[in-house]
N, C-alpha and C. Protein backbone atom coordinates (compact mmCIF):
# COMPACT_ATOMS: atom_id res chain seq x y z
N UNK A 1 18.82 -36.55 22.95
CA UNK A 1 17.66 -36.00 23.63
C UNK A 1 17.81 -34.49 23.74
N UNK A 2 16.72 -33.78 23.46
CA UNK A 2 16.78 -32.32 23.51
C UNK A 2 16.50 -31.83 24.92
N UNK A 3 17.06 -30.70 25.22
CA UNK A 3 16.89 -30.15 26.56
C UNK A 3 15.55 -29.42 26.67
N UNK A 4 15.15 -29.24 27.90
CA UNK A 4 13.90 -28.51 28.15
C UNK A 4 14.02 -27.05 27.73
N UNK A 5 15.19 -26.47 27.90
CA UNK A 5 15.39 -25.09 27.50
C UNK A 5 15.23 -24.93 25.99
N UNK A 6 15.76 -25.86 25.21
CA UNK A 6 15.64 -25.82 23.76
C UNK A 6 14.17 -25.88 23.34
N UNK A 7 13.40 -26.78 23.95
CA UNK A 7 11.99 -26.89 23.63
C UNK A 7 11.23 -25.63 24.03
N UNK A 8 11.59 -25.07 25.18
CA UNK A 8 10.96 -23.82 25.62
C UNK A 8 11.24 -22.69 24.63
N UNK A 9 12.49 -22.58 24.18
CA UNK A 9 12.84 -21.52 23.23
C UNK A 9 12.16 -21.71 21.88
N UNK A 10 12.02 -22.94 21.44
CA UNK A 10 11.28 -23.20 20.20
C UNK A 10 9.82 -22.78 20.33
N UNK A 11 9.25 -23.06 21.49
CA UNK A 11 7.87 -22.63 21.73
C UNK A 11 7.74 -21.12 21.80
N UNK A 12 8.72 -20.47 22.43
CA UNK A 12 8.70 -19.01 22.50
C UNK A 12 8.83 -18.40 21.11
N UNK A 13 9.68 -18.97 20.27
CA UNK A 13 9.82 -18.47 18.89
C UNK A 13 8.53 -18.68 18.10
N UNK A 14 7.86 -19.80 18.32
CA UNK A 14 6.60 -20.06 17.62
C UNK A 14 5.55 -19.04 18.04
N UNK A 15 5.46 -18.74 19.32
CA UNK A 15 4.48 -17.76 19.79
C UNK A 15 4.82 -16.37 19.27
N UNK A 16 6.10 -16.02 19.28
CA UNK A 16 6.51 -14.70 18.77
C UNK A 16 6.18 -14.55 17.29
N UNK A 17 6.41 -15.59 16.51
CA UNK A 17 6.10 -15.53 15.08
C UNK A 17 4.59 -15.44 14.86
N UNK A 18 3.82 -16.16 15.65
CA UNK A 18 2.36 -16.11 15.53
C UNK A 18 1.85 -14.70 15.86
N UNK A 19 2.38 -14.08 16.91
CA UNK A 19 1.97 -12.73 17.30
C UNK A 19 2.38 -11.72 16.23
N UNK A 20 3.56 -11.87 15.67
CA UNK A 20 3.99 -10.97 14.60
C UNK A 20 3.05 -11.09 13.40
N UNK A 21 2.63 -12.32 13.10
CA UNK A 21 1.65 -12.52 12.03
C UNK A 21 0.34 -11.84 12.32
N UNK A 22 -0.10 -11.86 13.58
CA UNK A 22 -1.34 -11.17 13.96
C UNK A 22 -1.22 -9.66 13.77
N UNK A 23 -0.05 -9.10 14.10
CA UNK A 23 0.14 -7.67 13.88
C UNK A 23 0.06 -7.33 12.39
N UNK A 24 0.70 -8.13 11.55
CA UNK A 24 0.63 -7.86 10.11
C UNK A 24 -0.78 -8.05 9.59
N UNK A 25 -1.52 -8.98 10.14
CA UNK A 25 -2.91 -9.17 9.73
C UNK A 25 -3.74 -7.94 10.10
N UNK A 26 -3.48 -7.38 11.26
CA UNK A 26 -4.19 -6.17 11.65
C UNK A 26 -3.86 -5.02 10.70
N UNK A 27 -2.60 -4.86 10.33
CA UNK A 27 -2.23 -3.80 9.39
C UNK A 27 -2.87 -4.03 8.03
N UNK A 28 -3.00 -5.28 7.62
CA UNK A 28 -3.66 -5.56 6.36
C UNK A 28 -5.13 -5.15 6.42
N UNK A 29 -5.79 -5.43 7.53
CA UNK A 29 -7.19 -5.05 7.67
C UNK A 29 -7.37 -3.53 7.61
N UNK A 30 -6.38 -2.78 8.06
CA UNK A 30 -6.47 -1.32 8.03
C UNK A 30 -6.18 -0.76 6.64
N UNK A 31 -5.22 -1.36 5.92
CA UNK A 31 -4.76 -0.78 4.65
C UNK A 31 -5.17 -1.55 3.41
N UNK A 32 -5.49 -2.83 3.56
CA UNK A 32 -5.78 -3.73 2.43
C UNK A 32 -4.61 -3.83 1.45
N UNK A 33 -3.40 -3.70 1.96
CA UNK A 33 -2.18 -3.83 1.15
C UNK A 33 -1.72 -5.28 1.17
N UNK A 34 -1.49 -5.86 -0.01
CA UNK A 34 -1.08 -7.27 -0.11
C UNK A 34 0.23 -7.56 0.58
N UNK A 35 1.07 -6.56 0.72
CA UNK A 35 2.36 -6.71 1.39
C UNK A 35 2.18 -7.35 2.77
N UNK A 36 1.17 -6.90 3.50
CA UNK A 36 0.93 -7.41 4.85
C UNK A 36 0.38 -8.83 4.85
N UNK A 37 -0.35 -9.19 3.81
CA UNK A 37 -0.83 -10.58 3.70
C UNK A 37 0.34 -11.53 3.51
N UNK A 38 1.27 -11.16 2.66
CA UNK A 38 2.45 -11.98 2.44
C UNK A 38 3.24 -12.16 3.74
N UNK A 39 3.42 -11.06 4.47
CA UNK A 39 4.17 -11.14 5.72
C UNK A 39 3.42 -11.95 6.78
N UNK A 40 2.10 -11.82 6.82
CA UNK A 40 1.31 -12.63 7.75
C UNK A 40 1.52 -14.11 7.48
N UNK A 41 1.41 -14.50 6.22
CA UNK A 41 1.59 -15.91 5.85
C UNK A 41 3.01 -16.38 6.15
N UNK A 42 3.99 -15.53 5.89
CA UNK A 42 5.38 -15.91 6.14
C UNK A 42 5.64 -16.14 7.63
N UNK A 43 5.16 -15.25 8.46
CA UNK A 43 5.39 -15.41 9.89
C UNK A 43 4.60 -16.60 10.45
N UNK A 44 3.42 -16.85 9.92
CA UNK A 44 2.68 -18.02 10.39
C UNK A 44 3.34 -19.32 9.94
N UNK A 45 3.97 -19.31 8.77
CA UNK A 45 4.75 -20.48 8.37
C UNK A 45 5.95 -20.69 9.30
N UNK A 46 6.58 -19.60 9.71
CA UNK A 46 7.68 -19.74 10.67
C UNK A 46 7.17 -20.27 12.01
N UNK A 47 5.96 -19.86 12.41
CA UNK A 47 5.37 -20.39 13.64
C UNK A 47 5.12 -21.89 13.51
N UNK A 48 4.65 -22.31 12.35
CA UNK A 48 4.45 -23.75 12.11
C UNK A 48 5.79 -24.48 12.16
N UNK A 49 6.82 -23.87 11.58
CA UNK A 49 8.14 -24.48 11.58
C UNK A 49 8.64 -24.69 13.01
N UNK A 50 8.60 -23.64 13.83
CA UNK A 50 9.11 -23.76 15.19
C UNK A 50 8.27 -24.70 16.03
N UNK A 51 6.96 -24.72 15.77
CA UNK A 51 6.09 -25.67 16.49
C UNK A 51 6.44 -27.10 16.12
N UNK A 52 6.70 -27.34 14.84
CA UNK A 52 7.07 -28.68 14.39
C UNK A 52 8.42 -29.11 14.97
N UNK A 53 9.35 -28.19 15.01
CA UNK A 53 10.66 -28.51 15.59
C UNK A 53 10.50 -28.90 17.06
N UNK A 54 9.67 -28.15 17.79
CA UNK A 54 9.46 -28.45 19.20
C UNK A 54 8.66 -29.74 19.39
N UNK A 55 7.66 -29.95 18.55
CA UNK A 55 6.79 -31.12 18.72
C UNK A 55 7.50 -32.42 18.40
N UNK A 56 8.28 -32.40 17.34
CA UNK A 56 8.95 -33.64 16.94
C UNK A 56 10.28 -33.82 17.65
N UNK A 57 10.82 -32.75 18.21
CA UNK A 57 12.06 -32.79 18.99
C UNK A 57 13.15 -33.60 18.31
N UNK A 58 13.27 -33.38 17.02
CA UNK A 58 14.32 -34.04 16.25
C UNK A 58 15.35 -33.01 15.82
N UNK A 59 16.26 -33.45 15.04
CA UNK A 59 17.27 -32.55 14.50
C UNK A 59 16.61 -31.58 13.54
N UNK A 60 16.76 -30.27 13.80
CA UNK A 60 16.08 -29.29 12.96
C UNK A 60 16.73 -29.10 11.59
N UNK A 61 17.79 -29.83 11.31
CA UNK A 61 18.43 -29.73 10.00
C UNK A 61 17.79 -30.66 8.97
N UNK A 62 16.70 -31.29 9.31
CA UNK A 62 16.00 -32.15 8.35
C UNK A 62 15.45 -31.31 7.21
N UNK A 63 15.32 -31.92 6.04
CA UNK A 63 14.92 -31.17 4.85
C UNK A 63 13.51 -30.61 4.94
N UNK A 64 12.60 -31.27 5.62
CA UNK A 64 11.22 -30.77 5.67
C UNK A 64 11.12 -29.50 6.51
N UNK A 65 12.00 -29.30 7.48
CA UNK A 65 12.02 -28.04 8.21
C UNK A 65 12.56 -26.93 7.32
N UNK A 66 13.56 -27.24 6.51
CA UNK A 66 14.10 -26.25 5.59
C UNK A 66 13.08 -25.84 4.54
N UNK A 67 12.27 -26.77 4.08
CA UNK A 67 11.26 -26.44 3.06
C UNK A 67 10.26 -25.44 3.63
N UNK A 68 9.85 -25.62 4.87
CA UNK A 68 8.92 -24.68 5.49
C UNK A 68 9.56 -23.31 5.62
N UNK A 69 10.80 -23.26 6.08
CA UNK A 69 11.50 -21.98 6.20
C UNK A 69 11.72 -21.33 4.85
N UNK A 70 12.07 -22.14 3.85
CA UNK A 70 12.28 -21.61 2.51
C UNK A 70 11.00 -20.98 1.98
N UNK A 71 9.87 -21.63 2.19
CA UNK A 71 8.59 -21.07 1.76
C UNK A 71 8.32 -19.74 2.45
N UNK A 72 8.62 -19.64 3.73
CA UNK A 72 8.41 -18.39 4.46
C UNK A 72 9.30 -17.28 3.91
N UNK A 73 10.56 -17.58 3.68
CA UNK A 73 11.46 -16.55 3.16
C UNK A 73 11.13 -16.17 1.72
N UNK A 74 10.63 -17.12 0.94
CA UNK A 74 10.19 -16.79 -0.42
C UNK A 74 8.96 -15.89 -0.40
N UNK A 75 8.08 -16.10 0.57
CA UNK A 75 6.93 -15.21 0.71
C UNK A 75 7.37 -13.79 1.06
N UNK A 76 8.37 -13.66 1.92
CA UNK A 76 8.88 -12.33 2.25
C UNK A 76 9.51 -11.68 1.02
N UNK A 77 10.26 -12.45 0.27
CA UNK A 77 10.85 -11.93 -0.97
C UNK A 77 9.78 -11.53 -1.97
N UNK A 78 8.74 -12.34 -2.10
CA UNK A 78 7.64 -12.02 -3.01
C UNK A 78 6.93 -10.74 -2.58
N UNK A 79 6.78 -10.53 -1.28
CA UNK A 79 6.15 -9.31 -0.78
C UNK A 79 6.97 -8.08 -1.15
N UNK A 80 8.28 -8.19 -1.02
CA UNK A 80 9.14 -7.05 -1.33
C UNK A 80 9.11 -6.75 -2.82
N UNK A 81 9.19 -7.79 -3.64
CA UNK A 81 9.16 -7.59 -5.09
C UNK A 81 7.80 -7.02 -5.51
N UNK A 82 6.72 -7.56 -4.96
CA UNK A 82 5.39 -7.09 -5.31
C UNK A 82 5.20 -5.62 -4.90
N UNK A 83 5.71 -5.25 -3.75
CA UNK A 83 5.56 -3.88 -3.27
C UNK A 83 6.34 -2.89 -4.13
N UNK A 84 7.48 -3.33 -4.66
CA UNK A 84 8.33 -2.41 -5.44
C UNK A 84 8.05 -2.43 -6.93
N UNK A 85 7.14 -3.27 -7.37
CA UNK A 85 6.74 -3.24 -8.78
C UNK A 85 5.98 -1.97 -9.07
N UNK A 86 6.08 -1.52 -10.31
CA UNK A 86 5.35 -0.33 -10.71
C UNK A 86 3.91 -0.73 -11.02
N UNK A 87 2.97 -0.15 -10.32
CA UNK A 87 1.56 -0.43 -10.56
C UNK A 87 0.95 0.78 -11.28
N UNK A 88 0.58 0.61 -12.56
CA UNK A 88 -0.04 1.75 -13.27
C UNK A 88 -1.42 2.06 -12.68
N UNK A 89 -1.73 3.33 -12.63
CA UNK A 89 -3.01 3.75 -12.03
C UNK A 89 -4.07 4.02 -13.06
């Protein structure tokens, strides 16, 4: 059985990731840079991950939680690679 503190912290992490995604969405609206869209999606995936961990209150080492986190980290990597590619003008 998971403790109440663990569930609270999972919820806090989910809210923090959601808010971080909102900040990146705001920066995207100002600049229209794809980098911020990738980061928005990545942080929202992390929010989904932490929400699922809290909702199901199971062992977070299950493979489906790792797949969500892997997708988020791959989006961050894709944003970095996309930003550093040479774009001819």
